[in-house]
C-alpha atoms as a PDB file:
ATOM      1  CA  MET A   1      -9.767  -1.014  22.324  1.00  0.00           C
ATOM      2  CA  ARG A   2      -7.286   0.832  24.467  1.00  0.00           C
ATOM      3  CA  SER A   3      -7.669   0.490  28.228  1.00  0.00           C
ATOM      4  CA  GLN A   4      -9.511   3.245  30.058  1.00  0.00           C
ATOM      5  CA  THR A   5      -9.388   1.744  33.561  1.00  0.00           C
ATOM      6  CA  GLN A   6      -6.944  -0.381  35.506  1.00  0.00           C
ATOM      7  CA  PHE A   7      -8.092  -3.751  36.732  1.00  0.00           C
ATOM      8  CA  THR A   8      -7.160  -5.463  39.949  1.00  0.00           C
ATOM      9  CA  SER A   9      -3.960  -7.339  40.541  1.00  0.00           C
ATOM     10  CA  THR A  10      -6.001 -10.564  40.486  1.00  0.00           C
ATOM     11  CA  PHE A  11      -6.827  -9.988  36.851  1.00  0.00           C
ATOM     12  CA  ASN A  12      -3.183  -9.267  36.104  1.00  0.00           C
ATOM     13  CA  VAL A  13      -2.234 -12.630  37.567  1.00  0.00           C
ATOM     14  CA  ALA A  14      -4.976 -14.401  35.612  1.00  0.00           C
ATOM     15  CA  LEU A  15      -3.936 -12.799  32.336  1.00  0.00           C
ATOM     16  CA  LEU A  16      -0.297 -13.591  32.982  1.00  0.00           C
ATOM     17  CA  SER A  17      -1.274 -17.196  33.672  1.00  0.00           C
ATOM     18  CA  LEU A  18      -3.034 -17.300  30.309  1.00  0.00           C
ATOM     19  CA  VAL A  19       0.106 -16.098  28.549  1.00  0.00           C
ATOM     20  CA  PHE A  20       2.171 -18.685  30.424  1.00  0.00           C
ATOM     21  CA  LEU A  21      -0.290 -21.405  29.395  1.00  0.00           C
ATOM     22  CA  PHE A  22      -0.018 -20.625  25.703  1.00  0.00           C
ATOM     23  CA  MET A  23       3.753 -20.393  25.938  1.00  0.00           C
ATOM     24  CA  PHE A  24       3.854 -23.780  27.701  1.00  0.00           C
ATOM     25  CA  ILE A  25       1.720 -25.419  25.015  1.00  0.00           C
ATOM     26  CA  PHE A  26       3.734 -23.810  22.218  1.00  0.00           C
ATOM     27  CA  LEU A  27       7.147 -24.627  23.676  1.00  0.00           C
ATOM     28  CA  CYS A  28       6.438 -28.120  24.958  1.00  0.00           C
ATOM     29  CA  GLN A  29       4.430 -29.498  22.031  1.00  0.00           C
ATOM     30  CA  PRO A  30       7.503 -30.643  20.063  1.00  0.00           C
ATOM     31  CA  THR A  31       8.924 -32.345  23.172  1.00  0.00           C
ATOM     32  CA  ILE A  32       5.674 -34.163  23.863  1.00  0.00           C
ATOM     33  CA  LEU A  33       5.395 -35.374  20.285  1.00  0.00           C
ATOM     34  CA  SER A  34       9.025 -36.438  20.250  1.00  0.00           C
ATOM     35  CA  PHE A  35       8.621 -38.399  23.463  1.00  0.00           C
ATOM     36  CA  SER A  36       5.515 -40.236  22.246  1.00  0.00           C
ATOM     37  CA  GLN A  37       7.276 -41.337  19.067  1.00  0.00           C
ATOM     38  CA  GLN A  38      10.434 -42.686  20.703  1.00  0.00           C
ATOM     39  CA  GLN A  39      11.015 -46.386  20.244  1.00  0.00           C
ATOM     40  CA  THR A  40      14.143 -46.694  22.445  1.00  0.00           C
ATOM     41  CA  SER A  41      14.616 -46.522  26.181  1.00  0.00           C
ATOM     42  CA  GLN A  42      16.973 -43.541  25.836  1.00  0.00           C
ATOM     43  CA  PRO A  43      14.954 -40.372  26.642  1.00  0.00           C
ATOM     44  CA  GLN A  44      15.541 -37.420  24.366  1.00  0.00           C
ATOM     45  CA  THR A  45      14.637 -33.817  25.014  1.00  0.00           C
ATOM     46  CA  THR A  46      13.809 -31.277  22.337  1.00  0.00           C
ATOM     47  CA  PHE A  47      14.224 -27.625  23.257  1.00  0.00           C
ATOM     48  CA  THR A  48      12.523 -24.786  21.385  1.00  0.00           C
ATOM     49  CA  LYS A  49      13.655 -21.211  21.885  1.00  0.00           C
ATOM     50  CA  ALA A  50      10.923 -18.772  22.795  1.00  0.00           C
ATOM     51  CA  THR A  51      10.031 -16.437  19.946  1.00  0.00           C
ATOM     52  CA  PRO A  52      10.615 -12.684  20.374  1.00  0.00           C
ATOM     53  CA  SER A  53       6.859 -11.976  20.258  1.00  0.00           C
ATOM     54  CA  LEU A  54       6.117 -14.446  23.045  1.00  0.00           C
ATOM     55  CA  SER A  55       9.038 -13.231  25.138  1.00  0.00           C
ATOM     56  CA  ASN A  56       8.054  -9.587  24.706  1.00  0.00           C
ATOM     57  CA  ALA A  57       4.437 -10.349  25.590  1.00  0.00           C
ATOM     58  CA  LEU A  58       5.452 -12.194  28.741  1.00  0.00           C
ATOM     59  CA  ILE A  59       7.768  -9.409  29.879  1.00  0.00           C
ATOM     60  CA  HIS A  60       5.254  -6.682  29.045  1.00  0.00           C
ATOM     61  CA  TYR A  61       2.275  -8.163  30.866  1.00  0.00           C
ATOM     62  CA  ALA A  62       4.426  -9.212  33.820  1.00  0.00           C
ATOM     63  CA  THR A  63       5.721  -5.689  34.394  1.00  0.00           C
ATOM     64  CA  THR A  64       2.749  -3.433  33.601  1.00  0.00           C
ATOM     65  CA  ASN A  65      -0.287  -2.409  35.612  1.00  0.00           C
ATOM     66  CA  ILE A  66      -2.198  -1.601  32.415  1.00  0.00           C
ATOM     67  CA  THR A  67      -4.237  -4.570  31.246  1.00  0.00           C
ATOM     68  CA  PRO A  68      -6.439  -5.276  28.187  1.00  0.00           C
ATOM     69  CA  GLN A  69      -9.981  -3.953  28.236  1.00  0.00           C
ATOM     70  CA  GLN A  70     -11.413  -7.413  27.583  1.00  0.00           C
ATOM     71  CA  THR A  71     -11.883  -9.755  30.529  1.00  0.00           C
ATOM     72  CA  LEU A  72     -10.081 -13.061  30.907  1.00  0.00           C
ATOM     73  CA  HIS A  73     -13.194 -15.012  29.847  1.00  0.00           C
ATOM     74  CA  GLU A  74     -13.717 -12.779  26.808  1.00  0.00           C
ATOM     75  CA  ILE A  75     -10.090 -13.144  25.724  1.00  0.00           C
ATOM     76  CA  SER A  76     -10.273 -16.898  26.206  1.00  0.00           C
ATOM     77  CA  LEU A  77     -13.151 -17.157  23.719  1.00  0.00           C
ATOM     78  CA  SER A  78     -11.133 -15.784  20.802  1.00  0.00           C
ATOM     79  CA  ALA A  79      -7.897 -17.378  22.069  1.00  0.00           C
ATOM     80  CA  ARG A  80      -9.458 -20.828  21.633  1.00  0.00           C
ATOM     81  CA  VAL A  81     -10.226 -20.060  17.992  1.00  0.00           C
ATOM     82  CA  LEU A  82      -6.732 -18.696  17.406  1.00  0.00           C
ATOM     83  CA  GLU A  83      -5.268 -21.829  18.975  1.00  0.00           C
ATOM     84  CA  GLN A  84      -7.071 -23.897  16.343  1.00  0.00           C
ATOM     85  CA  LYS A  85      -6.432 -21.628  13.353  1.00  0.00           C
ATOM     86  CA  SER A  86      -3.018 -20.063  13.917  1.00  0.00           C
ATOM     87  CA  PRO A  87      -0.833 -19.365  12.115  1.00  0.00           C
ATOM     88  CA  CYS A  88      -3.488 -17.511  10.158  1.00  0.00           C
ATOM     89  CA  ASN A  89      -4.525 -14.131   8.793  1.00  0.00           C
ATOM     90  CA  PHE A  90      -5.933 -12.089  11.680  1.00  0.00           C
ATOM     91  CA  LEU A  91      -7.477  -8.620  11.174  1.00  0.00           C
ATOM     92  CA  VAL A  92      -8.055  -6.472  14.267  1.00  0.00           C
ATOM     93  CA  PHE A  93     -10.059  -3.235  14.335  1.00  0.00           C
ATOM     94  CA  GLY A  94      -8.288  -1.278  17.048  1.00  0.00           C
ATOM     95  CA  LEU A  95      -4.783  -0.944  18.449  1.00  0.00           C
ATOM     96  CA  GLY A  96      -4.116  -1.101  22.163  1.00  0.00           C
ATOM     97  CA  TYR A  97      -2.370  -2.680  25.112  1.00  0.00           C
ATOM     98  CA  ASP A  98      -3.715  -6.097  24.113  1.00  0.00           C
ATOM     99  CA  SER A  99      -2.241  -5.944  20.589  1.00  0.00           C
ATOM    100  CA  LEU A 100       1.019  -7.612  21.567  1.00  0.00           C
ATOM    101  CA  MET A 101      -0.984 -10.471  23.058  1.00  0.00           C
ATOM    102  CA  TRP A 102      -3.026 -11.003  19.853  1.00  0.00           C
ATOM    103  CA  THR A 103       0.124 -11.015  17.731  1.00  0.00           C
ATOM    104  CA  SER A 104       1.747 -13.545  20.049  1.00  0.00           C
ATOM    105  CA  LEU A 105      -1.287 -15.846  20.009  1.00  0.00           C
ATOM    106  CA  ASN A 106      -1.106 -15.785  16.197  1.00  0.00           C
ATOM    107  CA  TYR A 107       2.625 -16.488  16.048  1.00  0.00           C
ATOM    108  CA  GLY A 108       3.757 -17.315  12.516  1.00  0.00           C
ATOM    109  CA  GLY A 109       0.651 -15.732  10.981  1.00  0.00           C
ATOM    110  CA  ARG A 110      -0.079 -12.186   9.864  1.00  0.00           C
ATOM    111  CA  THR A 111      -1.848  -9.861  12.288  1.00  0.00           C
ATOM    112  CA  ILE A 112      -2.866  -6.381  11.131  1.00  0.00           C
ATOM    113  CA  PHE A 113      -4.329  -3.621  13.314  1.00  0.00           C
ATOM    114  CA  LEU A 114      -6.541  -0.764  12.055  1.00  0.00           C
ATOM    115  CA  GLU A 115      -6.580   2.355  14.223  1.00  0.00           C
ATOM    116  CA  GLU A 116      -8.322   5.726  13.871  1.00  0.00           C
ATOM    117  CA  ASP A 117      -6.003   7.715  16.166  1.00  0.00           C
ATOM    118  CA  LYS A 118      -2.731   8.513  14.410  1.00  0.00           C
ATOM    119  CA  SER A 119      -0.983   9.777  17.542  1.00  0.00           C
ATOM    120  CA  TRP A 120      -1.957   6.595  19.360  1.00  0.00           C
ATOM    121  CA  ILE A 121      -0.402   4.509  16.571  1.00  0.00           C
ATOM    122  CA  GLU A 122       2.854   6.419  16.954  1.00  0.00           C
ATOM    123  CA  LYS A 123       2.842   5.827  20.710  1.00  0.00           C
ATOM    124  CA  ILE A 124       2.201   2.097  20.446  1.00  0.00           C
ATOM    125  CA  GLN A 125       4.612   1.625  17.539  1.00  0.00           C
ATOM    126  CA  HIS A 126       7.343   3.336  19.540  1.00  0.00           C
ATOM    127  CA  LYS A 127       6.831   0.777  22.300  1.00  0.00           C
ATOM    128  CA  PHE A 128       6.170  -2.243  20.051  1.00  0.00           C
ATOM    129  CA  PRO A 129       7.726  -1.524  16.631  1.00  0.00           C
ATOM    130  CA  ALA A 130       7.100  -5.061  15.334  1.00  0.00           C
ATOM    131  CA  LEU A 131       3.309  -4.586  15.326  1.00  0.00           C
ATOM    132  CA  GLU A 132       1.786  -4.024  11.861  1.00  0.00           C
ATOM    133  CA  SER A 133      -0.754  -1.226  12.117  1.00  0.00           C
ATOM    134  CA  TYR A 134      -2.435   1.225   9.744  1.00  0.00           C
ATOM    135  CA  HIS A 135      -4.196   4.538  10.222  1.00  0.00           C
ATOM    136  CA  VAL A 136      -7.780   4.609   8.942  1.00  0.00           C
ATOM    137  CA  VAL A 137     -10.380   7.367   8.714  1.00  0.00           C
ATOM    138  CA  TYR A 138     -14.094   6.729   9.227  1.00  0.00           C
ATOM    139  CA  ASP A 139     -16.738   9.001   7.689  1.00  0.00           C
ATOM    140  CA  THR A 140     -19.567   8.077  10.059  1.00  0.00           C
ATOM    141  CA  LYS A 141     -20.717   9.433  13.414  1.00  0.00           C
ATOM    142  CA  LEU A 142     -22.337   7.434  16.181  1.00  0.00           C
ATOM    143  CA  HIS A 143     -25.425   9.654  16.182  1.00  0.00           C
ATOM    144  CA  GLN A 144     -26.089   8.564  12.564  1.00  0.00           C
ATOM    145  CA  ALA A 145     -26.450   4.894  13.552  1.00  0.00           C
ATOM    146  CA  ASP A 146     -30.262   4.690  13.448  1.00  0.00           C
ATOM    147  CA  GLU A 147     -30.449   6.380  10.054  1.00  0.00           C
ATOM    148  CA  LEU A 148     -27.674   4.185   8.643  1.00  0.00           C
ATOM    149  CA  MET A 149     -29.423   1.057   9.897  1.00  0.00           C
ATOM    150  CA  LYS A 150     -32.746   2.103   8.396  1.00  0.00           C
ATOM    151  CA  ASN A 151     -31.192   2.915   5.007  1.00  0.00           C
ATOM    152  CA  ALA A 152     -29.128  -0.269   4.899  1.00  0.00           C
ATOM    153  CA  MET A 153     -32.018  -2.567   5.792  1.00  0.00           C
ATOM    154  CA  GLY A 154     -34.052  -1.126   2.918  1.00  0.00           C
ATOM    155  CA  ASP A 155     -31.220  -1.064   0.375  1.00  0.00           C
ATOM    156  CA  GLU A 156     -30.775  -4.189  -1.778  1.00  0.00           C
ATOM    157  CA  GLU A 157     -27.201  -3.083  -2.499  1.00  0.00           C
ATOM    158  CA  CYS A 158     -26.372  -3.811   1.144  1.00  0.00           C
ATOM    159  CA  LYS A 159     -27.387  -7.454   0.635  1.00  0.00           C
ATOM    160  CA  LYS A 160     -25.056  -8.026  -2.312  1.00  0.00           C
ATOM    161  CA  VAL A 161     -21.776  -9.842  -1.699  1.00  0.00           C
ATOM    162  CA  THR A 162     -18.875  -8.155  -3.440  1.00  0.00           C
ATOM    163  CA  ASP A 163     -15.503  -6.550  -2.807  1.00  0.00           C
ATOM    164  CA  PRO A 164     -16.227  -3.776  -0.243  1.00  0.00           C
ATOM    165  CA  ARG A 165     -14.334  -1.303  -2.439  1.00  0.00           C
ATOM    166  CA  TYR A 166     -16.977  -1.674  -5.131  1.00  0.00           C
ATOM    167  CA  SER A 167     -20.076  -2.080  -2.985  1.00  0.00           C
ATOM    168  CA  MET A 168     -22.798   0.520  -3.406  1.00  0.00           C
ATOM    169  CA  CYS A 169     -23.929   0.104   0.194  1.00  0.00           C
ATOM    170  CA  GLN A 170     -23.411   3.239   2.286  1.00  0.00           C
ATOM    171  CA  LEU A 171     -22.021   1.162   5.156  1.00  0.00           C
ATOM    172  CA  SER A 172     -19.221  -0.409   3.129  1.00  0.00           C
ATOM    173  CA  HIS A 173     -15.874   1.172   4.039  1.00  0.00           C
ATOM    174  CA  LYS A 174     -13.732   1.807   0.971  1.00  0.00           C
ATOM    175  CA  GLY A 175     -10.771   3.589   2.539  1.00  0.00           C
ATOM    176  CA  PHE A 176      -8.858   0.758   4.196  1.00  0.00           C
ATOM    177  CA  PRO A 177      -5.336  -0.157   3.026  1.00  0.00           C
ATOM    178  CA  SER A 178      -5.316  -2.506   0.023  1.00  0.00           C
ATOM    179  CA  GLU A 179      -4.060  -5.357   2.242  1.00  0.00           C
ATOM    180  CA  VAL A 180      -7.389  -5.403   4.057  1.00  0.00           C
ATOM    181  CA  TYR A 181      -9.305  -6.165   0.861  1.00  0.00           C
ATOM    182  CA  ASP A 182      -6.738  -8.384  -0.860  1.00  0.00           C
ATOM    183  CA  ILE A 183      -6.060 -10.850   1.991  1.00  0.00           C
ATOM    184  CA  GLU A 184      -8.514 -13.604   2.880  1.00  0.00           C
ATOM    185  CA  TRP A 185      -8.945 -13.250   6.635  1.00  0.00           C
ATOM    186  CA  ASP A 186      -9.385 -16.277   8.873  1.00  0.00           C
ATOM    187  CA  VAL A 187     -10.211 -14.298  12.018  1.00  0.00           C
ATOM    188  CA  ILE A 188     -11.515 -10.726  12.421  1.00  0.00           C
ATOM    189  CA  MET A 189     -11.839  -8.833  15.705  1.00  0.00           C
ATOM    190  CA  VAL A 190     -14.009  -5.682  15.776  1.00  0.00           C
ATOM    191  CA  ASP A 191     -13.011  -3.724  18.891  1.00  0.00           C
ATOM    192  CA  ALA A 192     -12.838  -0.255  17.319  1.00  0.00           C
ATOM    193  CA  PRO A 193     -13.344   2.512  16.350  1.00  0.00           C
ATOM    194  CA  ARG A 194     -14.594   4.490  19.332  1.00  0.00           C
ATOM    195  CA  GLY A 195     -18.324   4.250  19.930  1.00  0.00           C
ATOM    196  CA  TYR A 196     -19.144   5.775  23.298  1.00  0.00           C
ATOM    197  CA  PHE A 197     -20.116   9.406  22.450  1.00  0.00           C
ATOM    198  CA  ASP A 198     -22.230  10.970  19.704  1.00  0.00           C
ATOM    199  CA  GLU A 199     -19.400  12.416  17.618  1.00  0.00           C
ATOM    200  CA  ALA A 200     -17.354   9.202  17.725  1.00  0.00           C
ATOM    201  CA  PRO A 201     -17.179   7.226  14.454  1.00  0.00           C
ATOM    202  CA  GLY A 202     -19.079   4.259  15.874  1.00  0.00           C
ATOM    203  CA  ARG A 203     -18.594   0.701  14.648  1.00  0.00           C
ATOM    204  CA  MET A 204     -21.413   0.614  12.081  1.00  0.00           C
ATOM    205  CA  SER A 205     -19.242   0.424   8.963  1.00  0.00           C
ATOM    206  CA  ALA A 206     -16.562  -1.678  10.686  1.00  0.00           C
ATOM    207  CA  ILE A 207     -19.080  -4.403  11.537  1.00  0.00           C
ATOM    208  CA  TYR A 208     -20.767  -4.352   8.136  1.00  0.00           C
ATOM    209  CA  THR A 209     -17.469  -4.359   6.221  1.00  0.00           C
ATOM    210  CA  ALA A 210     -16.069  -7.180   8.358  1.00  0.00           C
ATOM    211  CA  GLY A 211     -19.095  -9.273   7.431  1.00  0.00           C
ATOM    212  CA  LEU A 212     -18.770  -8.406   3.760  1.00  0.00           C
ATOM    213  CA  ILE A 213     -15.068  -9.308   3.729  1.00  0.00           C
ATOM    214  CA  ALA A 214     -15.906 -12.671   5.315  1.00  0.00           C
ATOM    215  CA  ARG A 215     -18.649 -13.440   2.792  1.00  0.00           C
ATOM    216  CA  ASN A 216     -16.495 -12.382  -0.151  1.00  0.00           C
ATOM    217  CA  ARG A 217     -13.671 -14.886   0.493  1.00  0.00           C
ATOM    218  CA  LYS A 218     -13.277 -17.584  -2.182  1.00  0.00           C
ATOM    219  CA  ASP A 219     -14.148 -20.485   0.102  1.00  0.00           C
ATOM    220  CA  GLY A 220     -14.036 -21.589   3.712  1.00  0.00           C
ATOM    221  CA  GLU A 221     -15.222 -19.468   6.621  1.00  0.00           C
ATOM    222  CA  THR A 222     -14.151 -16.543   8.793  1.00  0.00           C
ATOM    223  CA  ASP A 223     -14.534 -16.244  12.553  1.00  0.00           C
ATOM    224  CA  VAL A 224     -15.677 -12.709  13.422  1.00  0.00           C
ATOM    225  CA  PHE A 225     -15.663 -11.340  16.971  1.00  0.00           C
ATOM    226  CA  VAL A 226     -17.444  -8.149  18.050  1.00  0.00           C
ATOM    227  CA  HIS A 227     -16.655  -6.593  21.420  1.00  0.00           C
ATOM    228  CA  ASP A 228     -18.850  -4.271  23.514  1.00  0.00           C
ATOM    229  CA  VAL A 229     -22.131  -5.877  22.399  1.00  0.00           C
ATOM    230  CA  ASP A 230     -23.703  -4.480  25.568  1.00  0.00           C
ATOM    231  CA  ARG A 231     -23.924  -1.223  23.605  1.00  0.00           C
ATOM    232  CA  LYS A 232     -26.775  -0.501  21.188  1.00  0.00           C
ATOM    233  CA  VAL A 233     -24.785  -0.209  17.947  1.00  0.00           C
ATOM    234  CA  GLU A 234     -22.601  -3.261  18.488  1.00  0.00           C
ATOM    235  CA  ASP A 235     -25.655  -5.286  19.503  1.00  0.00           C
ATOM    236  CA  LYS A 236     -27.984  -4.338  16.646  1.00  0.00           C
ATOM    237  CA  PHE A 237     -25.447  -4.088  13.826  1.00  0.00           C
ATOM    238  CA  SER A 238     -23.764  -7.399  14.643  1.00  0.00           C
ATOM    239  CA  LYS A 239     -27.112  -9.217  14.688  1.00  0.00           C
ATOM    240  CA  ALA A 240     -28.287  -7.542  11.477  1.00  0.00           C
ATOM    241  CA  PHE A 241     -25.158  -7.816   9.318  1.00  0.00           C
ATOM    242  CA  LEU A 242     -23.174 -10.689  10.811  1.00  0.00           C
ATOM    243  CA  CYS A 243     -26.506 -12.509  11.238  1.00  0.00           C
ATOM    244  CA  GLU A 244     -27.969 -14.222  14.284  1.00  0.00           C
ATOM    245  CA  SER A 245     -27.960 -17.518  12.366  1.00  0.00           C
ATOM    246  CA  TYR A 246     -24.145 -17.289  12.218  1.00  0.00           C
ATOM    247  CA  LEU A 247     -23.823 -16.522  15.951  1.00  0.00           C
ATOM    248  CA  ARG A 248     -21.859 -19.283  17.653  1.00  0.00           C
ATOM    249  CA  GLU A 249     -21.454 -18.073  21.228  1.00  0.00           C
ATOM    250  CA  GLN A 250     -21.243 -15.055  23.509  1.00  0.00           C
ATOM    251  CA  GLU A 251     -19.115 -14.512  26.569  1.00  0.00           C
ATOM    252  CA  GLY A 252     -19.689 -11.330  28.536  1.00  0.00           C
ATOM    253  CA  ARG A 253     -19.516  -8.443  26.082  1.00  0.00           C
ATOM    254  CA  ILE A 254     -18.027 -10.358  23.136  1.00  0.00           C
ATOM    255  CA  ARG A 255     -19.857 -12.302  20.397  1.00  0.00           C
ATOM    256  CA  HIS A 256     -18.424 -14.927  18.093  1.00  0.00           C
ATOM    257  CA  PHE A 257     -19.840 -15.365  14.591  1.00  0.00           C
ATOM    258  CA  THR A 258     -18.691 -17.912  11.994  1.00  0.00           C
ATOM    259  CA  ILE A 259     -19.424 -16.621   8.495  1.00  0.00           C
ATOM    260  CA  PRO A 260     -18.994 -18.912   5.461  1.00  0.00           C
ATOM    261  CA  SER A 261     -18.053 -17.831   1.954  1.00  0.00           C
ATOM    262  CA  HIS A 262     -21.055 -16.640  -0.054  1.00  0.00           C
ATOM    263  CA  ARG A 263     -19.333 -16.860  -3.426  1.00  0.00           C
ATOM    264  CA  SER A 264     -20.228 -20.520  -3.758  1.00  0.00           C
ATOM    265  CA  PRO A 265     -22.999 -21.477  -4.138  1.00  0.00           C
ATOM    266  CA  LEU A 266     -24.343 -18.343  -5.764  1.00  0.00           C
ATOM    267  CA  GLY A 267     -27.644 -16.973  -4.617  1.00  0.00           C
ATOM    268  CA  LYS A 268     -27.096 -17.643  -0.929  1.00  0.00           C
ATOM    269  CA  PRO A 269     -29.127 -15.177   1.160  1.00  0.00           C
ATOM    270  CA  PHE A 270     -27.188 -12.496   3.006  1.00  0.00           C
ATOM    271  CA  CYS A 271     -28.616 -13.808   6.276  1.00  0.00           C
ATOM    272  CA  PRO A 272     -29.887 -17.422   6.047  1.00  0.00           C
END
């Protein structure tokens, strides 16, 4: 999730414009509504003070050369969903230079970041102390992906919908903070852990567990995004465990799935 390359100044301007757009909509909405409801000829203006998260995001992205790893079009895909659902519960696998942006786009909601690199958490928290992040440890390796896929596809336990802490599926991650399992998430972004070399954890259990969390909610649905689907693991595991029938759209390297609760009605297949 953290940036490994620096993009061009054109992208910086585009991203900054996106931040400005959301700030404009957020700040001007009360004024627009107030104006449309006025019955007198006396114009009235309603001012709303910018929130600290929005102000910090604007200042940060206006003064840094380090930009998010996702492209403008990829960010826009999930930003549209957040615009509809926020304030909401937003779970993000990965902590990086785009984290302040995600928190700002979910202003008033709860945004939690899960990160494998403890030293990286300390660095980001020092710069943005308001971000809520937790250190997590994964017990998988990228080179195990094929074996994990084979075992999971043949294991009926991996098709049962339950609390991930009590699942018997090998892919279910049981070591997240309790908040991850206890909160019903409206939006989940899988952009971590690392998955670009053999000894990296890979995103096998992150993708499966995200899907299980979505299915296990009491009712409603969860929007799940998976980044880097140009890679083998993200491609195959998202299709297998978030289900192609739940795929809503793809933009560049990011896929958007909408997963409904499987707790009612009972007996719903894991992948319709």
